Protein backbone atom coordinates (compact mmCIF):
# COMPACT_ATOMS: atom_id res chain seq x y z
CA MET A 1 113.74 159.19 34.57
CA ALA A 2 112.30 155.97 33.19
CA HIS A 3 111.96 153.07 35.58
CA ALA A 4 113.51 149.72 34.73
CA ALA A 5 110.07 148.32 33.87
CA ALA A 6 109.41 151.04 31.28
CA ASP A 7 110.02 148.82 28.27
CA GLU A 8 108.12 146.39 26.07
CA THR A 9 108.29 143.53 28.56
CA GLY A 10 107.04 145.71 31.38
CA CYS A 11 104.30 147.03 29.12
CA THR A 12 102.79 143.73 28.07
CA GLY A 13 103.18 142.45 31.62
CA LEU A 14 100.71 145.04 32.87
CA ALA A 15 97.88 142.97 31.45
CA LYS A 16 98.64 140.08 33.79
CA ALA A 17 96.27 139.68 36.72
CA GLY A 18 97.49 141.33 39.90
CA GLN A 19 100.04 143.62 38.24
CA VAL A 20 98.06 146.79 38.98
CA ALA A 21 96.72 147.62 42.44
CA TRP A 22 93.36 149.00 41.31
CA PRO A 23 91.58 151.45 43.65
CA GLU A 24 88.24 149.93 42.65
CA ALA A 25 87.35 146.28 42.13
CA GLY A 26 86.19 145.47 38.62
CA THR A 27 88.71 147.74 36.90
CA ARG A 28 90.62 145.87 34.23
CA ILE A 29 93.08 146.33 31.38
CA VAL A 30 91.69 145.55 27.95
CA SER A 31 95.08 145.77 26.22
CA ALA A 32 98.66 146.81 26.90
CA THR A 33 100.62 147.38 23.70
CA TRP A 34 104.17 148.59 23.13
CA ARG A 35 104.41 151.35 20.52
CA ALA A 36 107.81 151.85 18.93
CA ALA A 37 109.22 155.34 18.39
CA GLY A 38 107.78 156.86 15.22
CA THR A 39 104.30 155.40 15.64
CA THR A 40 101.84 157.97 14.28
CA VAL A 41 98.32 159.04 15.16
CA PRO A 42 96.06 161.34 13.09
CA LEU A 43 95.35 164.81 14.43
CA LEU A 44 92.70 167.08 12.91
CA ALA A 45 94.46 170.41 12.41
CA GLN A 46 91.67 172.25 10.56
CA PRO A 47 87.99 171.24 10.10
CA ASP A 48 88.23 171.25 6.29
CA ALA A 49 91.74 169.81 5.99
CA PRO A 50 93.00 166.22 6.10
CA PRO A 51 94.41 165.03 9.45
CA VAL A 52 98.06 165.63 10.27
CA GLN A 53 100.02 162.54 11.24
CA VAL A 54 101.81 163.11 14.56
CA ALA A 55 104.83 160.90 15.34
CA LEU A 56 105.06 159.63 18.91
CA PRO A 57 107.99 158.52 21.08
CA ALA A 58 108.40 154.95 22.28
CA HIS A 59 105.68 154.24 24.81
CA CYS A 60 103.29 151.72 26.32
CA GLU A 61 99.66 152.20 25.35
CA VAL A 62 97.20 150.85 27.91
CA GLN A 63 93.46 150.65 27.34
CA GLY A 64 91.30 149.98 30.37
CA ILE A 65 87.71 149.87 31.56
CA LEU A 66 85.82 150.30 34.83
CA HIS A 67 82.28 150.74 36.16
CA GLU A 68 80.74 148.30 33.68
CA ARG A 69 76.98 148.27 34.27
CA LYS A 70 73.48 148.19 32.79
CA GLY A 71 71.65 151.52 32.64
CA ILE A 72 67.98 152.16 33.41
CA ASP A 73 67.48 152.55 29.65
CA GLY A 74 68.72 149.00 29.04
CA GLN A 75 72.00 150.17 27.53
CA ASP A 76 75.43 148.86 28.53
CA TYR A 77 77.67 151.52 30.03
CA ALA A 78 81.27 151.73 31.26
CA ILE A 79 84.10 154.21 31.65
CA ARG A 80 86.81 153.48 29.10
CA PHE A 81 90.24 155.06 29.22
CA ARG A 82 93.61 155.14 27.47
CA VAL A 83 96.98 155.80 29.13
CA ARG A 84 100.20 156.34 27.19
CA LEU A 85 103.35 155.73 29.24
CA PRO A 86 106.54 157.06 27.61
CA ALA A 87 109.79 155.13 27.94
CA ALA A 88 111.52 158.43 28.78
CA TRP A 89 109.18 159.58 31.54
CA ASN A 90 109.62 163.02 33.10
CA GLY A 91 107.75 162.11 36.29
CA ARG A 92 104.64 164.06 35.33
CA PHE A 93 101.08 162.96 34.59
CA LEU A 94 98.59 164.78 32.36
CA MET A 95 94.90 164.08 31.94
CA GLN A 96 93.64 165.20 28.54
CA GLY A 97 90.11 166.58 28.66
CA GLY A 98 87.26 165.56 26.41
CA GLY A 99 85.11 167.52 23.99
CA GLY A 100 81.52 167.93 22.86
CA THR A 101 79.36 165.10 24.17
CA ASN A 102 82.44 162.91 24.73
CA GLY A 103 81.64 159.24 24.08
CA THR A 104 85.00 158.48 22.48
CA VAL A 105 88.31 157.82 24.19
CA GLY A 106 90.72 160.61 23.33
CA ASP A 107 94.08 159.98 21.66
CA ALA A 108 95.96 160.64 24.95
CA ILE A 109 98.92 162.43 23.36
CA GLY A 110 98.35 165.81 25.01
CA MET A 111 98.63 168.26 22.12
CA THR A 112 99.13 171.78 23.45
CA ALA A 113 99.32 173.70 20.15
CA MET A 114 99.93 172.81 16.52
CA ASP A 115 103.48 174.16 16.61
CA GLN A 116 104.39 172.63 19.99
CA PRO A 117 105.49 169.06 20.80
CA SER A 118 102.83 166.93 22.44
CA ALA A 119 102.92 166.38 26.19
CA LEU A 120 103.69 162.72 25.49
CA SER A 121 106.72 163.75 23.43
CA GLN A 122 107.81 165.96 26.33
CA GLY A 123 107.81 162.93 28.63
CA TYR A 124 104.39 163.18 30.27
CA ALA A 125 102.32 160.08 30.94
CA VAL A 126 98.97 161.02 29.37
CA MET A 127 95.44 159.72 29.98
CA ALA A 128 92.11 160.28 28.19
CA GLN A 129 88.66 158.80 28.79
CA ASP A 130 85.15 158.66 27.27
CA SER A 131 83.33 159.87 30.45
CA GLY A 132 81.17 156.78 30.80
CA HIS A 133 79.36 156.21 27.51
CA ASP A 134 80.27 154.98 24.04
CA ASN A 135 79.06 156.73 20.89
CA ALA A 136 79.45 153.47 18.98
CA THR A 137 76.83 151.69 21.09
CA ASN A 138 74.90 154.27 23.13
CA ALA A 139 74.04 156.84 20.44
CA ASP A 140 70.51 156.54 19.00
CA PRO A 141 69.25 158.91 16.25
CA ALA A 142 65.66 158.37 17.36
CA ARG A 143 66.39 159.34 20.98
CA GLY A 144 68.65 162.36 20.65
CA GLY A 145 71.61 160.97 18.70
CA LEU A 146 74.87 161.52 20.56
CA VAL A 147 73.06 162.72 23.69
CA ALA A 148 70.82 159.62 24.01
CA PHE A 149 73.04 158.45 26.90
CA ALA A 150 71.52 161.26 29.01
CA ARG A 151 68.40 159.11 29.46
CA ASP A 152 70.38 157.23 32.10
CA PRO A 153 70.94 159.34 35.26
CA GLN A 154 74.35 157.84 36.07
CA ALA A 155 75.55 158.29 32.49
CA ARG A 156 74.62 161.97 32.65
CA ALA A 157 76.35 162.35 36.01
CA ASP A 158 79.47 160.59 34.68
CA TYR A 159 79.50 162.92 31.69
CA GLY A 160 79.10 165.91 33.99
CA GLY A 161 82.13 164.98 36.06
CA ALA A 162 81.45 161.95 38.24
CA SER A 163 83.78 159.87 36.05
CA LEU A 164 86.79 162.10 36.67
CA ARG A 165 87.89 160.87 40.08
CA PRO A 166 87.69 157.11 39.48
CA VAL A 167 89.40 157.29 36.09
CA THR A 168 92.16 159.54 37.45
CA LEU A 169 92.88 157.12 40.29
CA ALA A 170 92.86 154.20 37.85
CA ALA A 171 95.39 155.97 35.59
CA LYS A 172 97.64 156.76 38.54
CA ALA A 173 97.51 153.09 39.53
CA VAL A 174 98.70 152.11 36.05
CA ILE A 175 101.51 154.67 36.26
CA GLY A 176 102.58 153.37 39.66
CA ALA A 177 102.61 149.78 38.41
CA TYR A 178 104.63 150.61 35.30
CA TYR A 179 107.22 153.01 36.71
CA GLY A 180 107.29 151.80 40.29
CA GLN A 181 106.46 155.27 41.62
CA ALA A 182 103.69 157.85 41.62
CA PRO A 183 103.85 161.01 39.50
CA ARG A 184 105.72 163.93 41.05
CA PHE A 185 103.21 166.36 39.52
CA SER A 186 99.76 165.83 38.07
CA TYR A 187 98.19 168.18 35.53
CA PHE A 188 94.93 168.47 33.63
CA MET A 189 94.43 170.22 30.31
CA GLY A 190 91.22 170.56 28.33
CA CYS A 191 89.10 172.94 26.27
CA SER A 192 85.33 173.33 25.88
CA LYS A 193 83.82 170.27 27.58
CA GLY A 194 87.38 169.57 28.66
CA GLY A 195 87.48 173.04 30.19
CA GLN A 196 84.30 172.18 32.10
CA GLU A 197 86.02 169.04 33.37
CA GLY A 198 88.95 171.12 34.56
CA MET A 199 86.58 173.37 36.51
CA VAL A 200 84.87 170.32 38.05
CA LEU A 201 88.27 169.05 39.21
CA ALA A 202 89.29 172.40 40.70
CA GLN A 203 85.97 172.84 42.51
CA ARG A 204 85.06 169.29 43.56
CA GLU A 205 88.23 167.18 43.39
CA PRO A 206 91.00 169.57 44.50
CA ASP A 207 93.33 166.79 45.70
CA LEU A 208 93.83 165.13 42.31
CA TYR A 209 95.77 167.69 40.25
CA ASN A 210 98.48 170.24 41.04
CA GLY A 211 97.61 172.40 38.06
CA ILE A 212 94.75 172.75 35.60
CA VAL A 213 94.34 174.40 32.20
CA ALA A 214 90.59 174.88 31.70
CA ALA A 215 90.33 176.59 28.33
CA ALA A 216 87.03 178.01 26.99
CA PRO A 217 85.33 176.28 29.90
CA GLY A 218 81.82 174.95 29.33
CA PHE A 219 81.23 175.22 33.06
CA ALA A 220 77.79 176.71 32.41
CA LEU A 221 76.95 174.27 29.62
CA PRO A 222 73.18 174.05 30.31
CA ARG A 223 72.84 177.84 30.26
CA ALA A 224 75.04 178.11 27.17
CA ALA A 225 72.62 175.72 25.45
CA LEU A 226 69.89 178.26 26.13
CA ALA A 227 72.06 180.89 24.45
CA GLU A 228 72.36 178.64 21.41
CA ALA A 229 68.58 178.69 21.06
CA TRP A 230 68.42 182.45 21.75
CA ASN A 231 71.02 183.21 19.09
CA THR A 232 69.28 180.91 16.61
CA GLN A 233 66.08 182.87 17.19
CA ALA A 234 67.98 186.10 16.57
CA PHE A 235 69.24 184.95 13.17
CA GLY A 236 65.86 183.44 12.40
CA GLY A 237 64.46 186.93 12.72
CA VAL A 238 66.70 188.02 9.85
CA LEU A 239 65.25 185.26 7.65
CA ALA A 240 61.73 186.42 8.45
CA ALA A 241 62.63 189.99 7.51
CA GLN A 242 64.19 188.74 4.27
CA GLY A 243 61.06 186.75 3.43
CA LYS A 244 62.93 183.43 3.49
CA ALA A 245 61.60 180.13 4.80
CA PRO A 246 62.93 179.09 8.25
CA THR A 247 65.22 176.28 7.12
CA VAL A 248 68.72 175.31 8.19
CA ALA A 249 69.93 175.87 4.64
CA ASN A 250 68.53 179.40 4.59
CA LEU A 251 69.94 180.19 8.03
CA ALA A 252 73.43 180.18 6.52
CA THR A 253 72.30 182.97 4.16
CA ALA A 254 70.99 185.34 6.84
CA PHE A 255 74.33 187.13 6.54
CA SER A 256 76.25 186.85 3.30
CA VAL A 257 80.03 186.60 3.31
CA GLU A 258 80.09 190.28 2.36
CA ASP A 259 77.72 191.11 5.24
CA GLY A 260 80.02 189.31 7.64
CA ALA A 261 83.02 191.24 6.37
CA ARG A 262 81.12 194.50 6.93
CA VAL A 263 80.37 193.44 10.51
CA ARG A 264 84.03 192.75 11.17
CA GLN A 265 85.15 196.03 9.64
CA ALA A 266 82.56 197.95 11.66
CA ILE A 267 83.78 196.41 14.91
CA LEU A 268 87.39 197.16 14.02
CA ALA A 269 86.55 200.74 13.00
CA ALA A 270 84.88 201.24 16.38
CA CYS A 271 87.32 199.46 18.69
CA ASP A 272 90.61 198.47 17.05
CA GLY A 273 92.48 201.55 18.25
CA LEU A 274 91.37 201.37 21.90
CA ASP A 275 94.60 199.57 22.79
CA GLY A 276 96.84 202.16 21.13
CA ALA A 277 97.36 200.39 17.80
CA GLN A 278 95.37 199.89 14.59
CA ASP A 279 96.41 196.27 14.07
CA GLY A 280 93.28 194.24 13.35
CA ILE A 281 92.91 193.15 17.00
CA VAL A 282 90.38 194.36 19.57
CA ALA A 283 92.58 193.90 22.62
CA ASP A 284 90.58 196.16 24.93
CA GLY A 285 87.31 194.26 24.55
CA ALA A 286 85.75 195.50 27.81
CA ARG A 287 85.61 199.02 26.39
CA CYS A 288 84.23 197.92 23.01
CA THR A 289 80.60 198.80 23.71
CA SER A 290 77.41 198.78 21.69
CA ALA A 291 77.43 202.58 21.83
CA LEU A 292 80.60 202.43 19.74
CA VAL A 293 79.75 199.51 17.48
CA VAL A 294 76.06 199.74 16.62
CA PRO A 295 76.28 203.10 14.79
CA ARG A 296 79.09 201.64 12.70
CA LEU A 297 76.98 198.58 11.90
CA ARG A 298 74.12 200.78 10.71
CA ALA A 299 76.47 202.89 8.64
CA ALA A 300 77.94 199.77 7.04
CA GLY A 301 74.72 199.12 5.13
CA LEU A 302 73.39 196.19 7.15
CA SER A 303 69.63 195.84 7.34
CA ALA A 304 67.73 196.88 10.47
CA ALA A 305 66.90 193.20 11.15
CA GLN A 306 70.54 192.21 10.87
CA VAL A 307 71.61 194.89 13.35
CA VAL A 308 68.88 193.83 15.79
CA ALA A 309 70.03 190.20 15.54
CA LEU A 310 73.62 191.14 16.31
CA GLU A 311 72.52 193.26 19.26
CA ARG A 312 70.55 190.31 20.65
CA VAL A 313 73.61 188.05 20.38
CA HIS A 314 75.70 190.69 22.13
CA ASP A 315 73.14 191.37 24.88
CA GLY A 316 72.59 187.72 25.86
CA VAL A 317 69.69 185.56 27.00
CA ARG A 318 67.04 187.37 29.04
CA ASP A 319 63.62 186.35 30.28
CA ALA A 320 60.45 188.38 29.76
CA ALA A 321 61.24 190.49 32.84
CA GLY A 322 64.69 191.38 31.49
CA HIS A 323 66.62 189.14 33.90
CA GLN A 324 69.80 187.89 32.28
CA ILE A 325 70.12 184.10 32.17
CA TYR A 326 73.39 183.88 30.24
CA PRO A 327 75.76 186.74 29.29
CA GLY A 328 76.02 187.92 25.74
CA PHE A 329 79.00 187.72 23.41
CA GLY A 330 81.44 190.64 23.27
CA TRP A 331 82.05 192.59 20.08
CA ASP A 332 85.24 191.22 18.55
CA ALA A 333 87.10 191.01 15.25
CA GLY A 334 86.45 187.27 14.98
CA TRP A 335 82.71 187.66 14.38
CA PHE A 336 81.74 185.93 11.12
CA ASP A 337 85.09 184.21 10.78
CA PRO A 338 84.37 180.65 9.53
CA GLY A 339 84.80 179.13 13.00
CA TRP A 340 82.31 181.62 14.44
CA ARG A 341 79.83 181.29 11.60
CA ILE A 342 79.69 177.47 11.78
CA TRP A 343 78.14 177.68 15.24
CA MET A 344 75.86 180.66 14.74
CA THR A 345 74.46 180.31 11.21
CA GLY A 346 76.28 177.41 9.55
CA SER A 347 79.12 177.55 7.06
CA ALA A 348 78.78 180.07 4.24
CA ASP A 349 78.95 177.31 1.63
CA GLY A 350 76.07 175.44 3.25
CA ARG A 351 78.07 172.26 3.86
CA VAL A 352 77.99 172.49 7.67
CA PRO A 353 74.63 173.27 9.32
CA ALA A 354 74.51 175.65 12.27
CA LEU A 355 75.90 173.75 15.25
CA ASN A 356 73.71 175.83 17.54
CA VAL A 357 70.82 173.98 15.90
CA VAL A 358 72.02 170.43 15.27
CA LEU A 359 74.13 170.11 18.44
CA GLY A 360 72.66 172.75 20.70
CA GLY A 361 69.05 171.71 20.14
CA PRO A 362 69.38 168.04 21.18
CA SER A 363 71.60 169.03 24.10
CA ARG A 364 69.00 171.48 25.42
CA LEU A 365 66.04 169.15 24.96
CA VAL A 366 67.59 165.85 26.09
CA LEU A 367 70.88 166.30 27.95
CA PHE A 368 69.95 169.42 29.92
CA ALA A 369 66.30 168.69 30.67
CA THR A 370 64.98 166.58 33.56
CA PRO A 371 63.55 164.17 32.76
CA PRO A 372 65.06 164.14 29.26
CA GLY A 373 62.70 165.20 26.50
CA ASP A 374 62.51 164.32 22.84
CA ALA A 375 64.59 165.82 20.04
CA PRO A 376 63.40 165.75 16.43
CA PRO A 377 66.10 164.17 14.24
CA ALA A 378 65.40 166.30 11.12
CA PRO A 379 67.50 169.51 11.10
CA ASP A 380 64.62 171.77 10.01
CA ALA A 381 62.40 170.34 12.73
CA MET A 382 65.17 171.02 15.25
CA LEU A 383 65.40 174.59 13.95
CA ALA A 384 61.67 174.96 14.61
CA ALA A 385 62.22 173.66 18.16
CA GLN A 386 64.97 176.20 18.72
CA LYS A 387 62.72 178.99 17.43
CA ALA A 388 60.02 177.91 19.90
CA PHE A 389 62.41 178.30 22.85
CA VAL A 390 61.09 180.34 25.81
CA PRO A 391 63.93 181.56 28.09
CA ALA A 392 62.13 181.23 31.43
CA GLN A 393 60.97 177.71 30.60
CA GLY A 394 64.43 176.72 29.45
CA ALA A 395 66.00 178.08 32.63
CA ALA A 396 63.51 176.12 34.75
CA ALA A 397 64.19 172.90 32.82
CA ILE A 398 67.90 172.90 33.59
CA MET A 399 67.20 173.29 37.32
CA ALA A 400 64.42 170.67 37.50
CA THR A 401 64.50 167.29 39.22
CA ALA A 402 62.07 164.39 38.78
CA PRO A 403 61.32 160.91 40.20
CA GLY A 404 64.41 158.82 39.58
CA TRP A 405 66.39 161.97 38.81
CA PRO A 406 67.46 163.45 42.17
CA ARG A 407 69.95 165.81 40.56
CA SER A 408 69.21 168.52 38.01
CA ALA A 409 71.16 168.96 34.78
CA TRP A 410 72.74 172.04 36.35
CA GLN A 411 73.90 170.01 39.37
CA ASP A 412 75.28 167.27 37.13
CA VAL A 413 77.02 169.38 34.49
CA GLY A 414 77.34 172.93 35.80
CA ALA A 415 80.61 173.85 37.53
CA HIS A 416 80.28 177.58 38.00
CA GLU A 417 81.03 177.97 41.70
CA PRO A 418 83.33 180.86 42.72
CA ASP A 419 84.81 178.81 45.57
CA LEU A 420 88.23 177.29 45.03
CA ASP A 421 89.26 177.46 48.68
CA ARG A 422 90.29 173.79 48.90
CA PHE A 423 92.15 173.91 45.59
CA ARG A 424 93.94 177.06 46.70
CA ALA A 425 94.81 175.59 50.11
CA ARG A 426 96.49 172.62 48.44
CA GLY A 427 98.64 174.92 46.28
CA GLY A 428 96.64 174.32 43.10
CA ARG A 429 97.06 176.59 40.10
CA LEU A 430 94.50 177.30 37.37
CA ILE A 431 94.96 178.87 33.92
CA VAL A 432 91.86 179.71 31.85
CA PRO A 433 92.46 180.83 28.23
CA HIS A 434 89.29 181.87 26.39
CA GLY A 435 88.70 183.27 22.91
CA ALA A 436 87.02 186.67 22.71
CA SER A 437 85.13 185.48 19.59
CA ASP A 438 84.10 182.14 21.08
CA PRO A 439 80.61 181.61 19.57
CA VAL A 440 79.38 178.96 22.02
CA PHE A 441 80.75 179.83 25.49
CA SER A 442 80.81 183.53 26.23
CA LEU A 443 84.08 185.05 27.42
CA ASN A 444 81.90 187.48 29.37
CA ASP A 445 80.59 184.56 31.44
CA THR A 446 84.12 183.41 32.24
CA LEU A 447 85.18 186.92 33.23
CA ALA A 448 82.11 187.34 35.44
CA TRP A 449 82.96 184.04 37.15
CA TRP A 450 86.55 185.19 37.76
CA ARG A 451 85.36 188.47 39.28
CA ALA A 452 83.11 186.49 41.62
CA LEU A 453 86.05 184.23 42.48
CA ASP A 454 88.17 187.29 43.21
CA ARG A 455 85.52 188.73 45.52
CA HIS A 456 85.17 185.38 47.29
CA SER A 457 88.97 185.20 47.65
CA GLY A 458 89.34 188.64 49.13
CA GLY A 459 90.87 190.12 46.01
CA GLN A 460 93.58 187.44 45.88
CA ALA A 461 92.30 185.20 43.07
CA ALA A 462 95.21 186.06 40.75
CA GLY A 463 97.49 184.29 43.21
CA PHE A 464 96.14 180.91 42.09
CA ALA A 465 93.75 181.40 39.12
CA ARG A 466 94.25 183.50 36.00
CA VAL A 467 92.08 184.06 32.93
CA PHE A 468 93.74 184.87 29.59
CA PRO A 469 91.37 186.32 26.96
CA VAL A 470 92.49 185.66 23.39
CA PRO A 471 91.29 188.48 21.10
CA GLY A 472 89.89 187.25 17.80
CA MET A 473 89.98 183.56 18.72
CA ALA A 474 86.94 181.37 18.10
CA HIS A 475 86.09 178.23 20.08
CA CYS A 476 89.37 176.82 21.44
CA ALA A 477 91.34 177.87 18.33
CA GLY A 478 91.10 179.64 15.00
CA GLY A 479 90.00 183.08 13.93
CA PRO A 480 92.06 186.24 13.33
CA ALA A 481 94.06 185.62 16.48
CA THR A 482 97.41 184.78 17.99
CA ASP A 483 95.98 181.42 19.03
CA ARG A 484 99.20 179.40 19.33
CA TYR A 485 100.50 179.42 22.88
CA ASP A 486 101.81 176.91 25.42
CA ALA A 487 99.58 177.11 28.47
CA LEU A 488 100.82 173.75 29.80
CA ARG A 489 104.43 174.94 30.02
CA ALA A 490 103.30 178.15 31.73
CA LEU A 491 101.26 176.10 34.18
CA ALA A 492 104.15 173.77 35.01
CA ASP A 493 106.43 176.75 35.59
CA TRP A 494 103.85 178.25 37.92
CA VAL A 495 103.32 175.03 39.88
CA GLU A 496 106.92 173.85 40.04
CA LYS A 497 108.93 177.09 39.98
CA GLY A 498 106.48 179.65 41.34
CA ARG A 499 106.57 181.72 38.13
CA ALA A 500 103.07 183.19 37.95
CA PRO A 501 102.37 184.21 34.33
CA ASP A 502 101.19 187.75 33.61
CA ALA A 503 101.24 186.91 29.90
CA LEU A 504 101.35 183.90 27.60
CA ALA A 505 103.64 184.27 24.59
CA ALA A 506 101.45 183.69 21.53
CA LYS A 507 101.84 183.50 17.77
CA ALA A 508 99.43 183.74 14.84
CA GLY A 509 98.97 180.73 12.58
CA PRO A 510 99.21 180.55 8.77
CA ALA A 511 95.47 181.07 8.18
CA THR A 512 95.38 184.45 9.96
CA PRO A 513 95.77 187.88 8.32
CA TRP A 514 99.26 188.08 9.84
CA PRO A 515 101.02 184.67 9.89
CA GLY A 516 103.77 184.47 12.46
CA ARG A 517 102.76 187.62 14.36
CA GLU A 518 103.81 187.43 18.00
CA ARG A 519 101.85 189.07 20.75
CA PRO A 520 101.34 188.61 24.51
CA LEU A 521 98.07 187.22 25.83
CA CYS A 522 97.49 189.15 29.05
CA ARG A 523 95.93 187.93 32.25
CA TYR A 524 92.64 189.61 32.99
CA PRO A 525 92.13 192.48 33.80
CA LEU A 526 95.37 193.48 32.03
CA VAL A 527 95.22 194.14 28.29
CA ALA A 528 97.89 194.29 25.61
CA ARG A 529 98.54 197.98 25.00
CA THR A 530 100.87 199.41 22.38
CA LYS A 531 102.92 202.53 23.07
CA GLY A 532 105.88 203.68 21.04
CA GLY A 533 105.69 200.51 18.95
CA VAL A 534 106.04 198.27 22.01
CA THR A 535 103.16 196.02 23.10
CA ALA A 536 102.96 195.02 26.76
CA CYS A 537 100.35 194.02 29.32
CA ALA A 538 98.93 196.87 31.38
CA LEU A 539 95.73 197.97 33.07
CA PRO A 540 93.38 199.71 30.64
CA PRO A 541 92.56 203.38 31.21
CA LYS A 542 89.49 204.06 33.34
CA VAL A 543 88.34 206.90 31.13
CA PRO A 544 85.13 205.86 29.30
CA VAL A 545 85.18 205.84 25.52
CA LYS A 546 82.68 208.09 23.75
CA ALA A 547 80.96 207.08 20.57
CA ALA A 548 81.97 208.93 17.43
CA ARG A 549 79.46 211.55 16.30
């Protein structure tokens, strides 16, 4: 349903003054470039593999900027964005969420899965942004590296979600100018930090999007950063027991590859069959308890220190009084898969240091502290800082305010409220996929949030918000999992056709133990149960599972 202006002439004409009715003065187009069909962009398919070149349809690529200003730290800041406008537009708009610390403008093609066409190729107009800071100019190794922007209060607020409304309205203005009409439906899709952005939109900006996919949501990012330090301490305890120096290089050796395989086999031996099938998947994760798993870990030949470390990771961050600050990580078959290990201990080959140290440490000390503190740039010094973490002090830091900082890090970045009343009233729909072996944001935290939402909504939360655990999946993708699914299509069907999904059709990728395996991802609290060779979503039995004697 392309408009007459949706061609090269209409594209380049957008850059002329007065062509776009901007909601805010000072917004401007930096470039408007026509991209012929077949133009490619690189997409990183696997961390250790070369990028895949993705071919795009004919479209207009617009790069814009707004909120240009000088920060209190003397740095230049702005919100930069990219909008891709396909010649064959389907009348829909998609915002593509960010990731990590943001600071780069996303590719704005809207990839949904490696084996699915991009949203742009499906006819969506797609937008991405940098959330108000630029890694090329605002990062400073001496002041926290990629999180140095957090020394400016507005930059931190923009990163937390304040940038979302103005950049969305700017993108919709570009769409209106190019096609001569507003989008019929507006969607958001993101994972990790992008999932946090989706939660911010559902909770604080319910009028902007009809439907949201908030995958592996970092909506408790400051608390998750405390878990990164807690888990680093746990694995550091293994090094101490092994008589090894507390270095980032040694952290990767706390569990050998063989140790990790024993952990996975112990979890599977304890919990694989709870769903009715011995298939390498722990589908009924809620019933996979420590009472079942820990005896298997001990029997597998792991050291006492290793078992204690795993129990600490599973139990979650607690203060000295035993109060839980952040939920632990559920036992799952994806533990010690490469994508899990990279966060927790670092890659087995030593090439990638533990992200819980080199990313989690600066985030905790600079981005999620008020006022921002200092972060040592040397990895081993950052490991020492993580080992010195005190839970109660860390929890207080994320809630603190200070002169010139009227909002805490939790107020700026947290989006954990179980109140979606306004989003629900406007007919909004929310899908939340989350890997059961996510090593940075706990699925248990997401499930606890959904239960609180359900209580707040009088037991009716499934009518507008559904969580889909993905057994075996690491952070956003990967792991021994059926991690290829099309949540965007399911969301559009729910919004536009009223088809509420009880399951997402999913497939396993080539790097899994079972390439091509198909399996349903069930909405919580349903689980995939196998009976008579048929797997379907159903409520799990209420009978408790007893540990083997």
